[in-house]
Amino acid sequence: MPSSKATFRDIGAVTIVDLSGLLMLGESSAVLRRVMSDLMTRQRSKIILNFRDVTGIDSAGVGEVIASFKAVKTREGRLKLLNPPQRISDMLALTRLSNVLQVYTDEAVAIRSFDS
């Protein structure tokens, strides 16, 4: 079973979390939780979750994305999505989170969006 991985990089005030592998119930969804906890500790408030290399996601993984959004929002930050898989897009529409979560397909545009 492919493992999941989450690494992050800072571009100025924006942090990009590069996700890869599976985001599913168990250890793989906990990877996102751990990296988001680290970012909250570092007081990063402009975060982009990049799903380009995610090969699969289940409802637990989607739940972690939503929990990440809430954690960042609670700290008055902003979280945006880059290249989300269709399952996440569908879940955002179903839960009406698509009205509050911004989704991008271009990293540079996503980074610049924090300036507006």
C-alpha atoms as a PDB file:
ATOM      1  CA  MET A   1       0.000   0.000   0.000  1.00  0.00           C
ATOM      2  CA  PRO A   2       1.503   3.372  -0.983  1.00  0.00           C
ATOM      3  CA  SER A   3       2.269   5.581   1.965  1.00  0.00           C
ATOM      4  CA  SER A   4       1.119   9.126   2.343  1.00  0.00           C
ATOM      5  CA  LYS A   5       3.422  12.048   2.774  1.00  0.00           C
ATOM      6  CA  ALA A   6       3.020  15.721   3.595  1.00  0.00           C
ATOM      7  CA  THR A   7       5.895  18.148   3.312  1.00  0.00           C
ATOM      8  CA  PHE A   8       5.722  21.894   3.416  1.00  0.00           C
ATOM      9  CA  ARG A   9       7.642  24.795   2.021  1.00  0.00           C
ATOM     10  CA  ASP A  10       7.390  28.489   2.742  1.00  0.00           C
ATOM     11  CA  ILE A  11       7.203  31.045  -0.047  1.00  0.00           C
ATOM     12  CA  GLY A  12       7.286  34.334   1.811  1.00  0.00           C
ATOM     13  CA  ALA A  13       4.317  34.422   4.175  1.00  0.00           C
ATOM     14  CA  VAL A  14       2.573  31.553   2.340  1.00  0.00           C
ATOM     15  CA  THR A  15       3.113  27.903   3.264  1.00  0.00           C
ATOM     16  CA  ILE A  16       2.446  25.230   0.655  1.00  0.00           C
ATOM     17  CA  VAL A  17       1.747  21.732   1.961  1.00  0.00           C
ATOM     18  CA  ASP A  18       2.600  19.197  -0.738  1.00  0.00           C
ATOM     19  CA  LEU A  19       0.534  16.053  -0.183  1.00  0.00           C
ATOM     20  CA  SER A  20       1.218  12.736  -1.884  1.00  0.00           C
ATOM     21  CA  GLY A  21      -0.027   9.169  -1.785  1.00  0.00           C
ATOM     22  CA  LEU A  22      -3.263   8.139  -0.110  1.00  0.00           C
ATOM     23  CA  LEU A  23      -5.250  10.251   2.340  1.00  0.00           C
ATOM     24  CA  MET A  24      -7.356   7.576   3.963  1.00  0.00           C
ATOM     25  CA  LEU A  25      -8.574   6.417   7.344  1.00  0.00           C
ATOM     26  CA  GLY A  26      -5.755   5.662   9.747  1.00  0.00           C
ATOM     27  CA  GLU A  27      -2.128   6.669   9.578  1.00  0.00           C
ATOM     28  CA  SER A  28      -2.326   8.291   6.168  1.00  0.00           C
ATOM     29  CA  SER A  29      -4.961  10.869   7.176  1.00  0.00           C
ATOM     30  CA  ALA A  30      -3.030  11.508  10.412  1.00  0.00           C
ATOM     31  CA  VAL A  31      -0.100  12.760   8.288  1.00  0.00           C
ATOM     32  CA  LEU A  32      -2.093  15.858   7.320  1.00  0.00           C
ATOM     33  CA  ARG A  33      -3.202  16.379  10.928  1.00  0.00           C
ATOM     34  CA  ARG A  34       0.421  16.318  12.143  1.00  0.00           C
ATOM     35  CA  VAL A  35       1.724  18.760   9.547  1.00  0.00           C
ATOM     36  CA  MET A  36      -1.170  21.149  10.187  1.00  0.00           C
ATOM     37  CA  SER A  37      -0.496  20.999  13.932  1.00  0.00           C
ATOM     38  CA  ASP A  38       3.142  21.865  13.240  1.00  0.00           C
ATOM     39  CA  LEU A  39       2.108  24.806  11.060  1.00  0.00           C
ATOM     40  CA  MET A  40      -0.280  26.087  13.724  1.00  0.00           C
ATOM     41  CA  THR A  41       2.560  25.892  16.260  1.00  0.00           C
ATOM     42  CA  ARG A  42       4.720  27.921  13.864  1.00  0.00           C
ATOM     43  CA  GLN A  43       1.827  30.417  13.556  1.00  0.00           C
ATOM     44  CA  ARG A  44       1.576  30.049   9.785  1.00  0.00           C
ATOM     45  CA  SER A  45      -1.741  31.567   8.705  1.00  0.00           C
ATOM     46  CA  LYS A  46      -1.625  31.499   4.887  1.00  0.00           C
ATOM     47  CA  ILE A  47      -1.689  27.865   3.831  1.00  0.00           C
ATOM     48  CA  ILE A  48      -2.212  26.084   0.519  1.00  0.00           C
ATOM     49  CA  LEU A  49      -2.876  22.339   0.446  1.00  0.00           C
ATOM     50  CA  ASN A  50      -1.440  20.978  -2.805  1.00  0.00           C
ATOM     51  CA  PHE A  51      -3.093  17.710  -3.855  1.00  0.00           C
ATOM     52  CA  ARG A  52      -1.201  17.269  -7.146  1.00  0.00           C
ATOM     53  CA  ASP A  53       0.389  13.949  -6.083  1.00  0.00           C
ATOM     54  CA  VAL A  54      -2.521  12.532  -4.062  1.00  0.00           C
ATOM     55  CA  THR A  55      -3.479   9.164  -5.538  1.00  0.00           C
ATOM     56  CA  GLY A  56      -6.578   8.491  -3.443  1.00  0.00           C
ATOM     57  CA  ILE A  57      -8.740   9.977  -0.715  1.00  0.00           C
ATOM     58  CA  ASP A  58     -11.623   8.662   1.349  1.00  0.00           C
ATOM     59  CA  SER A  59     -14.135  10.364   3.643  1.00  0.00           C
ATOM     60  CA  ALA A  60     -11.606  10.376   6.518  1.00  0.00           C
ATOM     61  CA  GLY A  61      -9.142  12.227   4.315  1.00  0.00           C
ATOM     62  CA  VAL A  62     -11.809  14.734   3.294  1.00  0.00           C
ATOM     63  CA  GLY A  63     -12.619  15.102   7.000  1.00  0.00           C
ATOM     64  CA  GLU A  64      -8.984  15.976   7.708  1.00  0.00           C
ATOM     65  CA  VAL A  65      -9.088  18.649   4.996  1.00  0.00           C
ATOM     66  CA  ILE A  66     -12.206  20.152   6.577  1.00  0.00           C
ATOM     67  CA  ALA A  67     -10.639  19.950  10.061  1.00  0.00           C
ATOM     68  CA  SER A  68      -7.546  21.715   8.683  1.00  0.00           C
ATOM     69  CA  PHE A  69      -9.717  24.472   7.243  1.00  0.00           C
ATOM     70  CA  LYS A  70     -11.475  24.955  10.586  1.00  0.00           C
ATOM     71  CA  ALA A  71      -8.182  24.981  12.540  1.00  0.00           C
ATOM     72  CA  VAL A  72      -6.709  27.661  10.285  1.00  0.00           C
ATOM     73  CA  LYS A  73      -9.907  29.732  10.286  1.00  0.00           C
ATOM     74  CA  THR A  74     -10.090  29.587  14.102  1.00  0.00           C
ATOM     75  CA  ARG A  75      -6.669  31.234  14.162  1.00  0.00           C
ATOM     76  CA  GLU A  76      -7.886  33.874  11.692  1.00  0.00           C
ATOM     77  CA  GLY A  77      -5.814  32.397   8.897  1.00  0.00           C
ATOM     78  CA  ARG A  78      -6.759  31.309   5.395  1.00  0.00           C
ATOM     79  CA  LEU A  79      -6.455  27.883   3.817  1.00  0.00           C
ATOM     80  CA  LYS A  80      -6.771  27.319   0.081  1.00  0.00           C
ATOM     81  CA  LEU A  81      -6.707  24.192  -2.047  1.00  0.00           C
ATOM     82  CA  LEU A  82      -4.526  23.513  -5.066  1.00  0.00           C
ATOM     83  CA  ASN A  83      -5.328  20.738  -7.570  1.00  0.00           C
ATOM     84  CA  PRO A  84      -7.880  18.897  -5.392  1.00  0.00           C
ATOM     85  CA  PRO A  85      -9.093  15.503  -6.620  1.00  0.00           C
ATOM     86  CA  GLN A  86     -12.697  15.259  -7.821  1.00  0.00           C
ATOM     87  CA  ARG A  87     -13.787  13.567  -4.589  1.00  0.00           C
ATOM     88  CA  ILE A  88     -12.779  16.631  -2.566  1.00  0.00           C
ATOM     89  CA  SER A  89     -14.432  18.992  -5.049  1.00  0.00           C
ATOM     90  CA  ASP A  90     -17.636  16.948  -4.853  1.00  0.00           C
ATOM     91  CA  MET A  91     -17.572  16.899  -1.033  1.00  0.00           C
ATOM     92  CA  LEU A  92     -16.979  20.660  -0.886  1.00  0.00           C
ATOM     93  CA  ALA A  93     -19.998  21.223  -3.124  1.00  0.00           C
ATOM     94  CA  LEU A  94     -22.136  18.814  -1.088  1.00  0.00           C
ATOM     95  CA  THR A  95     -21.228  20.458   2.234  1.00  0.00           C
ATOM     96  CA  ARG A  96     -21.372  23.969   0.733  1.00  0.00           C
ATOM     97  CA  LEU A  97     -17.764  24.524   1.782  1.00  0.00           C
ATOM     98  CA  SER A  98     -17.094  25.389  -1.853  1.00  0.00           C
ATOM     99  CA  ASN A  99     -18.640  28.756  -0.957  1.00  0.00           C
ATOM    100  CA  VAL A 100     -15.857  29.494   1.549  1.00  0.00           C
ATOM    101  CA  LEU A 101     -12.857  27.436   0.433  1.00  0.00           C
ATOM    102  CA  GLN A 102     -10.993  28.754  -2.571  1.00  0.00           C
ATOM    103  CA  VAL A 103      -9.710  26.207  -5.093  1.00  0.00           C
ATOM    104  CA  TYR A 104      -6.899  26.811  -7.587  1.00  0.00           C
ATOM    105  CA  THR A 105      -5.155  24.888 -10.360  1.00  0.00           C
ATOM    106  CA  ASP A 106      -2.170  27.263 -10.670  1.00  0.00           C
ATOM    107  CA  GLU A 107       0.279  27.559  -7.759  1.00  0.00           C
ATOM    108  CA  ALA A 108       1.435  31.092  -8.595  1.00  0.00           C
ATOM    109  CA  VAL A 109      -2.157  32.340  -8.812  1.00  0.00           C
ATOM    110  CA  ALA A 110      -2.976  30.658  -5.483  1.00  0.00           C
ATOM    111  CA  ILE A 111      -0.003  32.349  -3.800  1.00  0.00           C
ATOM    112  CA  ARG A 112      -0.907  35.765  -5.223  1.00  0.00           C
ATOM    113  CA  SER A 113      -4.524  35.342  -4.076  1.00  0.00           C
ATOM    114  CA  PHE A 114      -3.462  35.961  -0.470  1.00  0.00           C
ATOM    115  CA  ASP A 115      -2.618  39.545  -1.424  1.00  0.00           C
ATOM    116  CA  SER A 116      -6.220  40.368  -2.252  1.00  0.00           C
END
